[in-house]
Amino acid sequence: MNVPREVAEIPWREPWAGIPSPQFEERLAREVGKKHVLYGRQAIAVGRRYDNDDVLFYLPDGPAMLAVVHLTWSTQTPEPDARLPWTDLYQSVPEWIDQRMMPDAEERERGSADS
């Protein structure tokens, strides 16, 4: 499935980068339980934060446009706790950039300056 142009053309900033990979989609499907907000929903991996297990998914059918999911990589799948894997929803690309990517990039830059 194709993603909207605004998702495909995200101006990535470290520690985030684009990663179209079905590996993360398959992992998400294994981890979410029946009560999780993303259970049964199509989710397309479009980006990853390389310094942790956060993955950005495009959600063509909602409940929001984008979701950042902190995959657990637990052997106990699906997760018994409906809150896991931790998931933050974003209604638009600009919202995700302003509320997540840019703060993560600024935090990383501060950490590099302190080293």
N, C-alpha and C. Protein backbone atom coordinates (compact mmCIF):
# COMPACT_ATOMS: atom_id res chain seq x y z
N MET A 1 0.84 -1.18 0.00
CA MET A 1 0.00 0.00 0.00
C MET A 1 0.89 1.24 0.00
N ASN A 2 0.49 2.20 -0.75
CA ASN A 2 1.20 3.47 -0.79
C ASN A 2 0.82 4.32 0.40
N VAL A 3 1.75 5.17 0.80
CA VAL A 3 1.47 6.10 1.88
C VAL A 3 1.27 7.48 1.26
N PRO A 4 0.57 8.38 1.95
CA PRO A 4 0.39 9.73 1.41
C PRO A 4 1.73 10.44 1.22
N ARG A 5 1.76 11.35 0.29
CA ARG A 5 2.98 12.09 -0.03
C ARG A 5 3.61 12.73 1.21
N GLU A 6 2.78 13.33 2.06
CA GLU A 6 3.33 14.00 3.25
C GLU A 6 4.03 13.03 4.19
N VAL A 7 3.61 11.77 4.19
CA VAL A 7 4.28 10.75 5.00
C VAL A 7 5.55 10.29 4.29
N ALA A 8 5.45 10.05 3.00
CA ALA A 8 6.60 9.58 2.23
C ALA A 8 7.74 10.60 2.20
N GLU A 9 7.40 11.88 2.35
CA GLU A 9 8.41 12.94 2.24
C GLU A 9 8.74 13.59 3.59
N ILE A 10 8.59 12.85 4.67
CA ILE A 10 8.95 13.39 5.99
C ILE A 10 10.42 13.80 5.96
N PRO A 11 10.74 15.02 6.42
CA PRO A 11 12.14 15.48 6.48
C PRO A 11 12.81 14.94 7.76
N TRP A 12 13.28 13.72 7.71
CA TRP A 12 13.80 13.02 8.88
C TRP A 12 14.93 13.77 9.57
N ARG A 13 14.94 13.70 10.87
CA ARG A 13 16.03 14.22 11.70
C ARG A 13 16.44 13.12 12.66
N GLU A 14 17.74 12.98 12.87
CA GLU A 14 18.23 11.98 13.83
C GLU A 14 17.66 12.30 15.20
N PRO A 15 17.27 11.29 15.93
CA PRO A 15 17.55 9.87 15.77
C PRO A 15 16.53 9.10 14.93
N TRP A 16 15.64 9.80 14.22
CA TRP A 16 14.64 9.15 13.38
C TRP A 16 15.14 9.02 11.94
N ALA A 17 14.68 7.96 11.27
CA ALA A 17 14.99 7.76 9.85
C ALA A 17 13.90 6.91 9.23
N GLY A 18 13.72 7.06 7.93
CA GLY A 18 12.74 6.26 7.21
C GLY A 18 13.18 4.82 7.08
N ILE A 19 12.25 3.90 7.24
CA ILE A 19 12.56 2.46 7.16
C ILE A 19 11.36 1.66 6.67
N PRO A 20 11.02 1.68 5.43
CA PRO A 20 9.89 0.84 5.00
C PRO A 20 10.26 -0.63 5.17
N SER A 21 9.73 -1.26 6.20
CA SER A 21 10.11 -2.64 6.49
C SER A 21 8.94 -3.42 7.05
N PRO A 22 8.54 -4.49 6.39
CA PRO A 22 7.44 -5.32 6.90
C PRO A 22 7.80 -6.04 8.20
N GLN A 23 9.09 -6.12 8.53
CA GLN A 23 9.52 -6.76 9.78
C GLN A 23 8.81 -6.12 10.97
N PHE A 24 8.71 -4.80 10.98
CA PHE A 24 8.10 -4.10 12.11
C PHE A 24 6.58 -4.24 12.10
N GLU A 25 5.99 -4.32 10.93
CA GLU A 25 4.55 -4.52 10.82
C GLU A 25 4.18 -5.90 11.37
N GLU A 26 4.96 -6.90 11.03
CA GLU A 26 4.73 -8.25 11.51
C GLU A 26 4.90 -8.32 13.02
N ARG A 27 5.91 -7.62 13.53
CA ARG A 27 6.16 -7.63 14.97
C ARG A 27 5.01 -6.95 15.71
N LEU A 28 4.54 -5.82 15.20
CA LEU A 28 3.42 -5.12 15.82
C LEU A 28 2.20 -6.03 15.88
N ALA A 29 1.90 -6.72 14.79
CA ALA A 29 0.74 -7.61 14.75
C ALA A 29 0.85 -8.72 15.80
N ARG A 30 2.06 -9.18 16.07
CA ARG A 30 2.26 -10.22 17.09
C ARG A 30 2.09 -9.68 18.50
N GLU A 31 2.50 -8.42 18.71
CA GLU A 31 2.52 -7.88 20.07
C GLU A 31 1.19 -7.35 20.57
N VAL A 32 0.35 -6.80 19.70
CA VAL A 32 -0.88 -6.17 20.19
C VAL A 32 -1.93 -7.21 20.54
N GLY A 33 -2.52 -7.02 21.73
CA GLY A 33 -3.61 -7.89 22.16
C GLY A 33 -4.95 -7.32 21.71
N LYS A 34 -6.00 -8.06 21.97
CA LYS A 34 -7.33 -7.69 21.50
C LYS A 34 -7.83 -6.35 22.03
N LYS A 35 -7.32 -5.90 23.16
CA LYS A 35 -7.80 -4.64 23.74
C LYS A 35 -6.89 -3.46 23.41
N HIS A 36 -5.83 -3.69 22.66
CA HIS A 36 -4.91 -2.62 22.29
C HIS A 36 -5.54 -1.73 21.23
N VAL A 37 -5.24 -0.43 21.26
CA VAL A 37 -5.82 0.54 20.33
C VAL A 37 -5.55 0.20 18.86
N LEU A 38 -4.47 -0.51 18.58
CA LEU A 38 -4.13 -0.83 17.18
C LEU A 38 -4.51 -2.26 16.79
N TYR A 39 -5.14 -2.99 17.66
CA TYR A 39 -5.51 -4.37 17.34
C TYR A 39 -6.42 -4.42 16.11
N GLY A 40 -6.04 -5.25 15.15
CA GLY A 40 -6.84 -5.45 13.96
C GLY A 40 -6.76 -4.33 12.94
N ARG A 41 -5.94 -3.32 13.20
CA ARG A 41 -5.83 -2.18 12.28
C ARG A 41 -4.61 -2.35 11.39
N GLN A 42 -4.71 -1.85 10.17
CA GLN A 42 -3.56 -1.86 9.27
C GLN A 42 -2.58 -0.79 9.75
N ALA A 43 -1.32 -1.16 9.81
CA ALA A 43 -0.26 -0.24 10.23
C ALA A 43 0.95 -0.48 9.32
N ILE A 44 1.43 0.59 8.71
CA ILE A 44 2.55 0.49 7.77
C ILE A 44 3.75 1.20 8.39
N ALA A 45 4.82 0.45 8.61
CA ALA A 45 6.04 1.03 9.18
C ALA A 45 6.66 2.00 8.20
N VAL A 46 6.92 3.22 8.66
CA VAL A 46 7.52 4.23 7.78
C VAL A 46 8.79 4.84 8.36
N GLY A 47 9.02 4.67 9.66
CA GLY A 47 10.21 5.26 10.27
C GLY A 47 10.56 4.55 11.56
N ARG A 48 11.80 4.79 11.99
CA ARG A 48 12.27 4.18 13.22
C ARG A 48 13.22 5.13 13.93
N ARG A 49 13.12 5.12 15.25
CA ARG A 49 14.09 5.83 16.07
C ARG A 49 15.21 4.83 16.35
N TYR A 50 16.41 5.15 15.88
CA TYR A 50 17.49 4.18 15.92
C TYR A 50 18.15 3.99 17.27
N ASP A 51 17.86 4.83 18.26
CA ASP A 51 18.49 4.64 19.56
C ASP A 51 17.57 3.96 20.57
N ASN A 52 16.39 3.51 20.11
CA ASN A 52 15.52 2.71 20.97
C ASN A 52 14.59 1.88 20.08
N ASP A 53 13.53 1.35 20.64
CA ASP A 53 12.64 0.46 19.89
C ASP A 53 11.36 1.15 19.41
N ASP A 54 11.38 2.47 19.22
CA ASP A 54 10.23 3.21 18.73
C ASP A 54 10.14 3.11 17.21
N VAL A 55 8.94 2.81 16.73
CA VAL A 55 8.70 2.70 15.29
C VAL A 55 7.51 3.59 14.95
N LEU A 56 7.62 4.34 13.85
CA LEU A 56 6.54 5.19 13.38
C LEU A 56 5.73 4.42 12.34
N PHE A 57 4.42 4.32 12.58
CA PHE A 57 3.52 3.64 11.67
C PHE A 57 2.52 4.61 11.08
N TYR A 58 2.24 4.45 9.79
CA TYR A 58 1.14 5.15 9.14
C TYR A 58 -0.09 4.27 9.29
N LEU A 59 -1.21 4.88 9.70
CA LEU A 59 -2.45 4.15 9.94
C LEU A 59 -3.50 4.59 8.92
N PRO A 60 -3.63 3.89 7.79
CA PRO A 60 -4.54 4.33 6.75
C PRO A 60 -6.01 4.37 7.18
N ASP A 61 -6.38 3.58 8.17
CA ASP A 61 -7.77 3.52 8.61
C ASP A 61 -7.99 4.10 10.01
N GLY A 62 -7.02 4.88 10.51
CA GLY A 62 -7.17 5.48 11.83
C GLY A 62 -6.83 4.49 12.92
N PRO A 63 -7.01 4.88 14.17
CA PRO A 63 -7.80 5.97 14.69
C PRO A 63 -7.14 7.34 14.56
N ALA A 64 -5.89 7.39 14.15
CA ALA A 64 -5.17 8.63 13.90
C ALA A 64 -4.36 8.38 12.63
N MET A 65 -3.64 9.39 12.17
CA MET A 65 -2.84 9.21 10.95
C MET A 65 -1.55 8.43 11.22
N LEU A 66 -0.93 8.73 12.37
CA LEU A 66 0.37 8.13 12.70
C LEU A 66 0.36 7.61 14.13
N ALA A 67 1.19 6.61 14.36
CA ALA A 67 1.38 6.09 15.71
C ALA A 67 2.85 5.80 15.91
N VAL A 68 3.37 6.21 17.06
CA VAL A 68 4.70 5.77 17.48
C VAL A 68 4.47 4.65 18.47
N VAL A 69 5.04 3.50 18.18
CA VAL A 69 4.87 2.33 19.01
C VAL A 69 6.24 1.90 19.53
N HIS A 70 6.33 1.73 20.85
CA HIS A 70 7.56 1.22 21.45
C HIS A 70 7.41 -0.30 21.54
N LEU A 71 7.94 -0.99 20.53
CA LEU A 71 7.84 -2.44 20.49
C LEU A 71 8.58 -3.05 21.68
N THR A 72 8.03 -4.12 22.23
CA THR A 72 8.62 -4.73 23.42
C THR A 72 9.60 -5.85 23.09
N TRP A 73 9.44 -6.48 21.96
CA TRP A 73 10.24 -7.64 21.56
C TRP A 73 10.19 -8.74 22.61
N SER A 74 9.09 -8.78 23.36
CA SER A 74 8.88 -9.79 24.39
C SER A 74 8.58 -11.13 23.74
N THR A 75 8.95 -12.19 24.44
CA THR A 75 8.61 -13.52 23.96
C THR A 75 7.15 -13.84 24.27
N GLN A 76 6.56 -13.07 25.18
CA GLN A 76 5.14 -13.27 25.52
C GLN A 76 4.29 -12.42 24.59
N THR A 77 3.82 -13.03 23.51
CA THR A 77 3.01 -12.29 22.55
C THR A 77 1.69 -13.01 22.33
N PRO A 78 0.59 -12.30 22.19
CA PRO A 78 0.50 -10.85 22.33
C PRO A 78 0.69 -10.43 23.79
N GLU A 79 0.99 -9.15 23.96
CA GLU A 79 1.18 -8.61 25.30
C GLU A 79 -0.12 -8.74 26.09
N PRO A 80 -0.05 -9.24 27.34
CA PRO A 80 -1.26 -9.38 28.14
C PRO A 80 -1.81 -8.03 28.64
N ASP A 81 -0.96 -7.04 28.75
CA ASP A 81 -1.35 -5.71 29.21
C ASP A 81 -1.80 -4.89 28.00
N ALA A 82 -3.04 -4.43 27.97
CA ALA A 82 -3.58 -3.69 26.83
C ALA A 82 -2.84 -2.39 26.57
N ARG A 83 -2.07 -1.89 27.55
CA ARG A 83 -1.29 -0.66 27.35
C ARG A 83 -0.02 -0.91 26.56
N LEU A 84 0.35 -2.18 26.41
CA LEU A 84 1.59 -2.52 25.72
C LEU A 84 1.28 -3.11 24.35
N PRO A 85 2.09 -2.89 23.37
CA PRO A 85 3.24 -1.98 23.42
C PRO A 85 2.77 -0.52 23.53
N TRP A 86 3.58 0.29 24.26
CA TRP A 86 3.25 1.71 24.45
C TRP A 86 3.03 2.35 23.09
N THR A 87 1.98 3.16 22.99
CA THR A 87 1.60 3.74 21.70
C THR A 87 1.17 5.18 21.88
N ASP A 88 1.72 6.07 21.08
CA ASP A 88 1.31 7.48 21.04
C ASP A 88 0.74 7.75 19.66
N LEU A 89 -0.45 8.34 19.62
CA LEU A 89 -1.13 8.64 18.36
C LEU A 89 -0.96 10.10 17.98
N TYR A 90 -0.85 10.35 16.67
CA TYR A 90 -0.69 11.70 16.13
C TYR A 90 -1.66 11.87 14.97
N GLN A 91 -2.35 12.99 14.94
CA GLN A 91 -3.38 13.23 13.93
C GLN A 91 -2.82 13.66 12.58
N SER A 92 -1.57 14.12 12.56
CA SER A 92 -1.00 14.62 11.30
C SER A 92 0.52 14.52 11.35
N VAL A 93 1.13 14.66 10.18
CA VAL A 93 2.59 14.68 10.10
C VAL A 93 3.15 15.90 10.85
N PRO A 94 2.61 17.12 10.64
CA PRO A 94 3.14 18.26 11.39
C PRO A 94 3.04 18.08 12.90
N GLU A 95 1.95 17.48 13.37
CA GLU A 95 1.82 17.25 14.81
C GLU A 95 2.92 16.32 15.29
N TRP A 96 3.18 15.21 14.56
CA TRP A 96 4.23 14.28 14.95
C TRP A 96 5.61 14.96 14.92
N ILE A 97 5.86 15.74 13.88
CA ILE A 97 7.14 16.43 13.78
C ILE A 97 7.33 17.38 14.96
N ASP A 98 6.32 18.19 15.25
CA ASP A 98 6.43 19.19 16.33
C ASP A 98 6.48 18.56 17.72
N GLN A 99 5.68 17.53 17.94
CA GLN A 99 5.56 16.97 19.28
C GLN A 99 6.50 15.82 19.56
N ARG A 100 7.05 15.20 18.52
CA ARG A 100 7.89 14.02 18.76
C ARG A 100 9.26 14.10 18.10
N MET A 101 9.29 14.23 16.77
CA MET A 101 10.58 14.16 16.10
C MET A 101 11.52 15.30 16.50
N MET A 102 11.02 16.53 16.48
CA MET A 102 11.89 17.67 16.80
C MET A 102 12.37 17.63 18.25
N PRO A 103 11.50 17.36 19.24
CA PRO A 103 12.02 17.22 20.61
C PRO A 103 13.06 16.11 20.74
N ASP A 104 12.84 14.98 20.06
CA ASP A 104 13.81 13.89 20.11
C ASP A 104 15.13 14.33 19.48
N ALA A 105 15.07 15.05 18.36
CA ALA A 105 16.28 15.52 17.68
C ALA A 105 17.02 16.53 18.56
N GLU A 106 16.28 17.44 19.18
CA GLU A 106 16.92 18.45 20.06
C GLU A 106 17.55 17.79 21.27
N GLU A 107 16.88 16.80 21.83
CA GLU A 107 17.44 16.07 22.97
C GLU A 107 18.74 15.37 22.57
N ARG A 108 18.74 14.77 21.41
CA ARG A 108 19.94 14.08 20.92
C ARG A 108 21.09 15.06 20.71
N GLU A 109 20.76 16.22 20.12
CA GLU A 109 21.80 17.23 19.89
C GLU A 109 22.37 17.76 21.20
N ARG A 110 21.52 17.97 22.20
CA ARG A 110 22.01 18.40 23.52
C ARG A 110 22.92 17.35 24.12
N GLY A 111 22.52 16.07 23.98
CA GLY A 111 23.33 14.98 24.51
C GLY A 111 24.67 14.89 23.83
N SER A 112 24.73 15.16 22.52
CA SER A 112 25.99 15.14 21.78
C SER A 112 26.88 16.30 22.20
N ALA A 113 26.26 17.44 22.49
CA ALA A 113 27.04 18.62 22.88
C ALA A 113 27.64 18.43 24.27
N ASP A 114 26.97 17.63 25.11
CA ASP A 114 27.45 17.39 26.48
C ASP A 114 28.57 16.37 26.52
N SER A 115 28.73 15.61 25.46
CA SER A 115 29.74 14.54 25.46
C SER A 115 31.14 15.07 25.33
